Amino acid sequence: MATAIEPAHRRAKPGAKGGGRFFHIEVRPAKEFVTFRVQVLGEADGIERVAGRRADGTWDTAKWLIAKTDAHVENGRLVPDSEGARKMFRSLRSVPVQVSGDRFRAKPRRNIPESAKPTPAMRRAQLANIKKAQAAVRKRRTARTGTKRRAAGAGTKRRGRA
């Protein structure tokens, strides 16, 4: 007596049913990684980064978890509500598109080869940082020289009299 075997039910992927606290934005397929680690960015119920470790030992972002309080869905697209979510969305190369439930897919930011570095944006940032550092040193020197002159002048008079 042969009985028909019912098809096995698989566990639903996280975020597939839409019942959790986070929206899942997949950046790279999970098949690329062997181990995962979650990093909390900012407050506990805000934005989390799921980092994946490849077989060769390198780490990369597998997906982002964004609290439902920090974003909402409009016409199948995820729209950020908080400043942290907006900043994270700018780091993606494409707008997250809904796959199913609370799961979205987006492209990772472009990989810049070492031969193309520093990019013009990196050069501008370096120059801005150098200018900031120089201004801080100038400010520190002017504040320090003013107090040193007064202290040095007072000290020499006392030494001369003694």
C-alpha atoms as a PDB file:
ATOM      1  CA  MET A   1       0.000   0.000   0.000  1.00  0.00           C
ATOM      2  CA  ALA A   2       1.749   3.103  -1.246  1.00  0.00           C
ATOM      3  CA  THR A   3       0.805   6.378   0.378  1.00  0.00           C
ATOM      4  CA  ALA A   4       1.379   9.761  -1.136  1.00  0.00           C
ATOM      5  CA  ILE A   5       4.076  11.691   0.655  1.00  0.00           C
ATOM      6  CA  GLU A   6       3.085  15.227   1.430  1.00  0.00           C
ATOM      7  CA  PRO A   7       5.565  17.895   0.344  1.00  0.00           C
ATOM      8  CA  ALA A   8       7.790  19.081   3.175  1.00  0.00           C
ATOM      9  CA  HIS A   9       7.098  22.580   4.435  1.00  0.00           C
ATOM     10  CA  ARG A  10      10.091  24.850   4.658  1.00  0.00           C
ATOM     11  CA  ARG A  11      10.614  27.420   7.320  1.00  0.00           C
ATOM     12  CA  ALA A  12       9.678  30.913   6.101  1.00  0.00           C
ATOM     13  CA  LYS A  13      12.596  33.296   5.669  1.00  0.00           C
ATOM     14  CA  PRO A  14      12.838  36.123   8.207  1.00  0.00           C
ATOM     15  CA  GLY A  15      10.627  39.007   7.129  1.00  0.00           C
ATOM     16  CA  ALA A  16       8.763  36.968   4.505  1.00  0.00           C
ATOM     17  CA  LYS A  17       5.413  37.080   6.319  1.00  0.00           C
ATOM     18  CA  GLY A  18       5.590  40.707   7.461  1.00  0.00           C
ATOM     19  CA  GLY A  19       5.073  40.133  11.163  1.00  0.00           C
ATOM     20  CA  GLY A  20       8.394  41.228  12.675  1.00  0.00           C
ATOM     21  CA  ARG A  21       9.754  44.524  14.020  1.00  0.00           C
ATOM     22  CA  PHE A  22      12.194  45.136  11.152  1.00  0.00           C
ATOM     23  CA  PHE A  23      12.273  45.650   7.413  1.00  0.00           C
ATOM     24  CA  HIS A  24      14.993  43.468   5.838  1.00  0.00           C
ATOM     25  CA  ILE A  25      17.017  45.014   3.002  1.00  0.00           C
ATOM     26  CA  GLU A  26      19.086  42.312   1.331  1.00  0.00           C
ATOM     27  CA  VAL A  27      22.235  43.709  -0.247  1.00  0.00           C
ATOM     28  CA  ARG A  28      24.076  40.484  -1.073  1.00  0.00           C
ATOM     29  CA  PRO A  29      22.716  36.917  -1.259  1.00  0.00           C
ATOM     30  CA  ALA A  30      23.126  34.848   1.911  1.00  0.00           C
ATOM     31  CA  LYS A  31      24.675  32.031  -0.160  1.00  0.00           C
ATOM     32  CA  GLU A  32      27.895  34.095  -0.381  1.00  0.00           C
ATOM     33  CA  PHE A  33      28.468  33.808   3.382  1.00  0.00           C
ATOM     34  CA  VAL A  34      29.173  31.062   5.899  1.00  0.00           C
ATOM     35  CA  THR A  35      28.709  33.033   9.162  1.00  0.00           C
ATOM     36  CA  PHE A  36      26.650  36.063  10.163  1.00  0.00           C
ATOM     37  CA  ARG A  37      26.984  38.731  12.846  1.00  0.00           C
ATOM     38  CA  VAL A  38      24.545  41.523  13.744  1.00  0.00           C
ATOM     39  CA  GLN A  39      25.863  45.001  14.566  1.00  0.00           C
ATOM     40  CA  VAL A  40      23.516  47.465  16.258  1.00  0.00           C
ATOM     41  CA  LEU A  41      23.943  51.019  14.963  1.00  0.00           C
ATOM     42  CA  GLY A  42      22.662  53.846  17.149  1.00  0.00           C
ATOM     43  CA  GLU A  43      19.814  52.913  19.478  1.00  0.00           C
ATOM     44  CA  ALA A  44      18.747  49.321  20.097  1.00  0.00           C
ATOM     45  CA  ASP A  45      15.506  49.368  18.048  1.00  0.00           C
ATOM     46  CA  GLY A  46      16.790  51.394  15.109  1.00  0.00           C
ATOM     47  CA  ILE A  47      19.142  50.244  12.362  1.00  0.00           C
ATOM     48  CA  GLU A  48      21.129  47.022  12.437  1.00  0.00           C
ATOM     49  CA  ARG A  49      23.723  45.720   9.997  1.00  0.00           C
ATOM     50  CA  VAL A  50      23.963  42.016   9.316  1.00  0.00           C
ATOM     51  CA  ALA A  51      27.576  41.310   8.357  1.00  0.00           C
ATOM     52  CA  GLY A  52      28.468  38.069   6.636  1.00  0.00           C
ATOM     53  CA  ARG A  53      31.800  36.257   6.662  1.00  0.00           C
ATOM     54  CA  ARG A  54      32.820  34.535   3.453  1.00  0.00           C
ATOM     55  CA  ALA A  55      34.700  31.235   3.280  1.00  0.00           C
ATOM     56  CA  ASP A  56      37.929  33.138   2.479  1.00  0.00           C
ATOM     57  CA  GLY A  57      37.585  35.122   5.742  1.00  0.00           C
ATOM     58  CA  THR A  58      36.488  38.492   4.322  1.00  0.00           C
ATOM     59  CA  TRP A  59      33.490  40.287   5.826  1.00  0.00           C
ATOM     60  CA  ASP A  60      30.831  42.314   4.032  1.00  0.00           C
ATOM     61  CA  THR A  61      27.297  43.597   4.587  1.00  0.00           C
ATOM     62  CA  ALA A  62      24.735  40.883   3.857  1.00  0.00           C
ATOM     63  CA  LYS A  63      21.648  42.937   4.714  1.00  0.00           C
ATOM     64  CA  TRP A  64      20.330  45.871   6.720  1.00  0.00           C
ATOM     65  CA  LEU A  65      17.570  45.651   9.319  1.00  0.00           C
ATOM     66  CA  ILE A  66      15.536  48.839   9.740  1.00  0.00           C
ATOM     67  CA  ALA A  67      12.959  49.187  12.510  1.00  0.00           C
ATOM     68  CA  LYS A  68       9.419  49.729  11.300  1.00  0.00           C
ATOM     69  CA  THR A  69       9.393  52.958  13.307  1.00  0.00           C
ATOM     70  CA  ASP A  70      12.230  54.327  11.114  1.00  0.00           C
ATOM     71  CA  ALA A  71      10.682  53.616   7.678  1.00  0.00           C
ATOM     72  CA  HIS A  72       7.432  52.842   5.881  1.00  0.00           C
ATOM     73  CA  VAL A  73       6.332  51.243   2.593  1.00  0.00           C
ATOM     74  CA  GLU A  74       4.921  53.311  -0.268  1.00  0.00           C
ATOM     75  CA  ASN A  75       3.994  51.658  -3.578  1.00  0.00           C
ATOM     76  CA  GLY A  76       6.315  48.715  -2.989  1.00  0.00           C
ATOM     77  CA  ARG A  77       9.265  50.976  -2.085  1.00  0.00           C
ATOM     78  CA  LEU A  78      10.744  51.532   1.336  1.00  0.00           C
ATOM     79  CA  VAL A  79      10.754  55.195   2.407  1.00  0.00           C
ATOM     80  CA  PRO A  80      12.943  56.341   5.334  1.00  0.00           C
ATOM     81  CA  ASP A  81      11.373  58.313   8.193  1.00  0.00           C
ATOM     82  CA  SER A  82      14.384  58.984  10.446  1.00  0.00           C
ATOM     83  CA  GLU A  83      17.689  60.737   9.728  1.00  0.00           C
ATOM     84  CA  GLY A  84      19.648  57.550  10.451  1.00  0.00           C
ATOM     85  CA  ALA A  85      17.567  55.606   7.925  1.00  0.00           C
ATOM     86  CA  ARG A  86      18.003  58.373   5.318  1.00  0.00           C
ATOM     87  CA  LYS A  87      21.771  58.249   5.799  1.00  0.00           C
ATOM     88  CA  MET A  88      21.771  54.449   5.422  1.00  0.00           C
ATOM     89  CA  PHE A  89      19.630  54.642   2.258  1.00  0.00           C
ATOM     90  CA  ARG A  90      22.148  57.072   0.719  1.00  0.00           C
ATOM     91  CA  SER A  91      24.865  54.437   1.185  1.00  0.00           C
ATOM     92  CA  LEU A  92      22.938  52.036  -1.081  1.00  0.00           C
ATOM     93  CA  ARG A  93      23.366  52.146  -4.856  1.00  0.00           C
ATOM     94  CA  SER A  94      19.666  51.600  -5.604  1.00  0.00           C
ATOM     95  CA  VAL A  95      16.281  52.193  -3.991  1.00  0.00           C
ATOM     96  CA  PRO A  96      15.109  49.147  -1.973  1.00  0.00           C
ATOM     97  CA  VAL A  97      12.377  47.280  -3.891  1.00  0.00           C
ATOM     98  CA  GLN A  98       9.885  44.978  -2.147  1.00  0.00           C
ATOM     99  CA  VAL A  99      10.379  41.243  -2.689  1.00  0.00           C
ATOM    100  CA  SER A 100       7.744  39.884  -0.268  1.00  0.00           C
ATOM    101  CA  GLY A 101       6.335  40.876   3.109  1.00  0.00           C
ATOM    102  CA  ASP A 102       8.970  42.937   4.912  1.00  0.00           C
ATOM    103  CA  ARG A 103      11.808  41.798   2.627  1.00  0.00           C
ATOM    104  CA  PHE A 104      13.407  44.225   0.195  1.00  0.00           C
ATOM    105  CA  ARG A 105      16.342  44.030  -2.189  1.00  0.00           C
ATOM    106  CA  ALA A 106      18.866  46.743  -3.069  1.00  0.00           C
ATOM    107  CA  LYS A 107      22.272  46.946  -4.713  1.00  0.00           C
ATOM    108  CA  PRO A 108      25.377  47.493  -2.579  1.00  0.00           C
ATOM    109  CA  ARG A 109      27.455  50.596  -3.060  1.00  0.00           C
ATOM    110  CA  ARG A 110      29.958  50.460  -5.884  1.00  0.00           C
ATOM    111  CA  ASN A 111      33.346  48.869  -5.221  1.00  0.00           C
ATOM    112  CA  ILE A 112      36.074  51.377  -6.050  1.00  0.00           C
ATOM    113  CA  PRO A 113      39.327  49.730  -7.180  1.00  0.00           C
ATOM    114  CA  GLU A 114      42.517  50.744  -5.370  1.00  0.00           C
ATOM    115  CA  SER A 115      43.978  52.090  -8.622  1.00  0.00           C
ATOM    116  CA  ALA A 116      41.176  54.718  -8.774  1.00  0.00           C
ATOM    117  CA  LYS A 117      41.795  55.958  -5.221  1.00  0.00           C
ATOM    118  CA  PRO A 118      41.810  58.600  -3.917  1.00  0.00           C
ATOM    119  CA  THR A 119      38.666  59.660  -5.740  1.00  0.00           C
ATOM    120  CA  PRO A 120      37.908  63.387  -6.200  1.00  0.00           C
ATOM    121  CA  ALA A 121      35.421  63.170  -3.295  1.00  0.00           C
ATOM    122  CA  MET A 122      38.101  61.610  -1.080  1.00  0.00           C
ATOM    123  CA  ARG A 123      40.550  64.389  -2.023  1.00  0.00           C
ATOM    124  CA  ARG A 124      37.976  67.068  -1.151  1.00  0.00           C
ATOM    125  CA  ALA A 125      37.313  65.396   2.198  1.00  0.00           C
ATOM    126  CA  GLN A 126      41.059  65.176   2.928  1.00  0.00           C
ATOM    127  CA  LEU A 127      41.549  68.869   2.149  1.00  0.00           C
ATOM    128  CA  ALA A 128      38.563  69.834   4.307  1.00  0.00           C
ATOM    129  CA  ASN A 129      39.950  67.757   7.204  1.00  0.00           C
ATOM    130  CA  ILE A 130      43.402  69.325   6.843  1.00  0.00           C
ATOM    131  CA  LYS A 131      41.894  72.822   6.891  1.00  0.00           C
ATOM    132  CA  LYS A 132      39.888  71.968  10.021  1.00  0.00           C
ATOM    133  CA  ALA A 133      42.999  70.641  11.763  1.00  0.00           C
ATOM    134  CA  GLN A 134      45.026  73.728  10.800  1.00  0.00           C
ATOM    135  CA  ALA A 135      42.283  76.024  12.095  1.00  0.00           C
ATOM    136  CA  ALA A 136      42.178  74.120  15.396  1.00  0.00           C
ATOM    137  CA  VAL A 137      45.976  74.407  15.769  1.00  0.00           C
ATOM    138  CA  ARG A 138      45.842  78.149  14.998  1.00  0.00           C
ATOM    139  CA  LYS A 139      43.089  78.624  17.549  1.00  0.00           C
ATOM    140  CA  ARG A 140      45.031  76.657  20.167  1.00  0.00           C
ATOM    141  CA  ARG A 141      48.232  78.639  19.502  1.00  0.00           C
ATOM    142  CA  THR A 142      46.563  82.042  19.816  1.00  0.00           C
ATOM    143  CA  ALA A 143      44.849  81.000  23.047  1.00  0.00           C
ATOM    144  CA  ARG A 144      48.082  79.562  24.438  1.00  0.00           C
ATOM    145  CA  THR A 145      50.402  82.455  23.469  1.00  0.00           C
ATOM    146  CA  GLY A 146      48.147  85.025  25.099  1.00  0.00           C
ATOM    147  CA  THR A 147      48.241  83.268  28.470  1.00  0.00           C
ATOM    148  CA  LYS A 148      51.946  82.409  28.211  1.00  0.00           C
ATOM    149  CA  ARG A 149      52.944  86.033  27.641  1.00  0.00           C
ATOM    150  CA  ARG A 150      51.051  87.162  30.698  1.00  0.00           C
ATOM    151  CA  ALA A 151      52.462  84.361  32.857  1.00  0.00           C
ATOM    152  CA  ALA A 152      55.999  84.798  31.488  1.00  0.00           C
ATOM    153  CA  GLY A 153      55.920  88.551  32.092  1.00  0.00           C
ATOM    154  CA  ALA A 154      54.760  88.118  35.683  1.00  0.00           C
ATOM    155  CA  GLY A 155      57.394  85.452  36.378  1.00  0.00           C
ATOM    156  CA  THR A 156      60.372  87.453  35.142  1.00  0.00           C
ATOM    157  CA  LYS A 157      59.562  90.415  37.355  1.00  0.00           C
ATOM    158  CA  ARG A 158      59.521  88.233  40.444  1.00  0.00           C
ATOM    159  CA  ARG A 159      62.802  86.558  39.571  1.00  0.00           C
ATOM    160  CA  GLY A 160      64.516  89.886  39.008  1.00  0.00           C
ATOM    161  CA  ARG A 161      63.545  91.185  42.437  1.00  0.00           C
ATOM    162  CA  ALA A 162      64.514  88.110  44.429  1.00  0.00           C
END
